[in-house]
Amino acid sequence: VQLQACGGGFVQAWRSLRLSCAASGRTLSNYVMGWFRQAPGKERDFVASIRWSGGITYYADSVKGRFTISRDKAKNTVYLQMNTLKVEDTAVYYCAARSTYGTKWHYWGQGTEVTVSS
């Protein structure tokens, strides 16, 4: 699975931004798509995930109620709608994919940087 993320940028706090991740190379019906982020000097953390078939979603506590993950099956694309952004959301955001039957995230996109200013 090849993943291409985009949509990052520079935004003021309390504003919104939408990230996109286009997937190719494999049928995604047996995959879970996810977003992770890595802030400067910190480890990469889970943000949200969505099961391609069925659409079940999970979120990190830090983004619940503010971020929404969704997918467009026709476009093979996953989105991360980020609302009410905070300075602490500043990070490089990565999309990833793993098999529905496993736990390891095997496929990663190149990352897109989000900077939130106060």
Protein backbone atom coordinates (compact mmCIF):
# COMPACT_ATOMS: atom_id res chain seq x y z
CA VAL A 1 0.00 0.00 0.00
CA GLN A 2 1.38 3.39 -0.98
CA LEU A 3 0.20 6.36 1.04
CA GLN A 4 0.42 10.00 0.08
CA ALA A 5 -0.52 12.54 2.73
CA CYS A 6 -1.14 16.20 2.19
CA GLY A 7 -3.03 19.17 3.62
CA GLY A 8 -0.71 20.35 6.35
CA GLY A 9 0.17 23.97 6.85
CA PHE A 10 0.35 26.92 9.17
CA VAL A 11 -2.86 27.80 11.02
CA GLN A 12 -3.93 29.87 13.99
CA ALA A 13 -5.31 28.28 17.13
CA TRP A 14 -9.05 27.57 17.14
CA ARG A 15 -9.07 27.28 13.35
CA SER A 16 -9.55 24.14 11.26
CA LEU A 17 -7.51 22.11 8.83
CA ARG A 18 -8.19 18.95 6.85
CA LEU A 19 -5.55 16.39 6.04
CA SER A 20 -5.89 13.90 3.22
CA CYS A 21 -4.21 10.59 2.62
CA ALA A 22 -4.54 8.94 -0.78
CA ALA A 23 -3.93 5.19 -0.83
CA SER A 24 -2.98 3.06 -3.79
CA GLY A 25 -1.59 -0.33 -4.63
CA ARG A 26 -4.01 -2.59 -2.85
CA THR A 27 -7.67 -3.07 -2.09
CA LEU A 28 -8.29 -1.60 1.32
CA SER A 29 -11.29 -3.68 2.36
CA ASN A 30 -9.20 -5.62 4.90
CA TYR A 31 -7.27 -2.65 6.22
CA VAL A 32 -7.44 -0.15 9.00
CA MET A 33 -6.27 3.36 8.15
CA GLY A 34 -4.80 5.60 10.79
CA TRP A 35 -3.30 8.97 11.54
CA PHE A 36 -0.35 9.46 13.84
CA ARG A 37 1.60 12.53 14.77
CA GLN A 38 5.05 13.36 16.03
CA ALA A 39 5.74 16.63 17.78
CA PRO A 40 9.30 17.98 17.94
CA GLY A 41 11.36 16.00 20.44
CA LYS A 42 8.56 13.54 21.14
CA GLU A 43 7.59 10.06 20.08
CA ARG A 44 5.08 9.33 17.38
CA ASP A 45 1.61 9.06 18.86
CA PHE A 46 -1.65 7.57 17.66
CA VAL A 47 -4.31 10.11 16.70
CA ALA A 48 -7.19 8.28 15.05
CA SER A 49 -8.07 5.23 13.01
CA ILE A 50 -10.88 3.96 10.85
CA ARG A 51 -11.69 0.48 9.65
CA TRP A 52 -12.11 0.64 5.90
CA SER A 53 -14.98 -1.84 5.92
CA GLY A 54 -17.60 -0.76 8.39
CA GLY A 55 -16.09 2.59 9.26
CA ILE A 56 -15.45 1.93 12.97
CA THR A 57 -13.37 4.76 14.36
CA TYR A 58 -11.06 5.26 17.33
CA TYR A 59 -9.52 8.44 18.67
CA ALA A 60 -6.85 9.46 21.10
CA ASP A 61 -8.32 11.17 24.13
CA SER A 62 -6.46 14.35 23.28
CA VAL A 63 -8.38 14.82 20.01
CA LYS A 64 -11.81 13.39 20.82
CA GLY A 65 -14.53 15.84 19.98
CA ARG A 66 -12.21 17.97 17.85
CA PHE A 67 -10.88 15.66 15.15
CA THR A 68 -12.86 13.45 12.81
CA ILE A 69 -11.44 10.67 10.67
CA SER A 70 -13.37 9.59 7.59
CA ARG A 71 -12.83 7.77 4.33
CA ASP A 72 -14.02 8.12 0.76
CA LYS A 73 -14.11 4.66 -0.75
CA ALA A 74 -14.51 5.95 -4.29
CA LYS A 75 -11.35 8.03 -3.98
CA ASN A 76 -9.41 5.58 -1.80
CA THR A 77 -8.71 8.49 0.47
CA VAL A 78 -8.75 8.99 4.22
CA TYR A 79 -9.30 12.38 5.79
CA LEU A 80 -8.57 13.90 9.14
CA GLN A 81 -10.73 16.92 9.83
CA MET A 82 -9.13 18.91 12.62
CA ASN A 83 -11.24 21.55 14.34
CA THR A 84 -10.54 23.85 17.25
CA LEU A 85 -6.83 23.37 16.76
CA LYS A 86 -4.51 23.98 19.69
CA VAL A 87 -0.86 24.91 19.80
CA GLU A 88 -0.14 21.45 21.19
CA ASP A 89 -1.51 19.89 17.98
CA THR A 90 1.62 21.13 16.21
CA ALA A 91 3.35 18.07 14.75
CA VAL A 92 4.16 16.14 11.64
CA TYR A 93 1.14 14.04 10.82
CA TYR A 94 1.50 10.64 9.23
CA CYS A 95 -1.08 8.38 7.71
CA ALA A 96 -0.62 4.67 8.08
CA ALA A 97 -2.28 1.39 7.23
CA ARG A 98 -2.40 -2.02 8.83
CA SER A 99 -4.24 -5.24 8.23
CA THR A 100 -7.56 -5.64 10.01
CA TYR A 101 -6.19 -8.94 11.35
CA GLY A 102 -3.01 -7.56 12.83
CA THR A 103 -1.75 -4.85 15.12
CA LYS A 104 1.41 -3.66 13.40
CA TRP A 105 1.23 -0.61 11.18
CA HIS A 106 3.15 -1.75 8.13
CA TYR A 107 2.57 1.08 5.71
CA TRP A 108 3.37 4.75 6.26
CA GLY A 109 2.99 7.94 4.29
CA GLN A 110 5.65 10.61 4.15
CA GLY A 111 4.14 12.97 6.71
CA THR A 112 2.64 16.41 6.44
CA GLU A 113 3.51 19.19 8.84
CA VAL A 114 0.93 21.09 10.85
CA THR A 115 1.91 24.20 12.77
CA VAL A 116 -0.61 25.86 15.05
CA SER A 117 0.17 29.33 16.32
CA SER A 118 -1.39 31.09 19.29
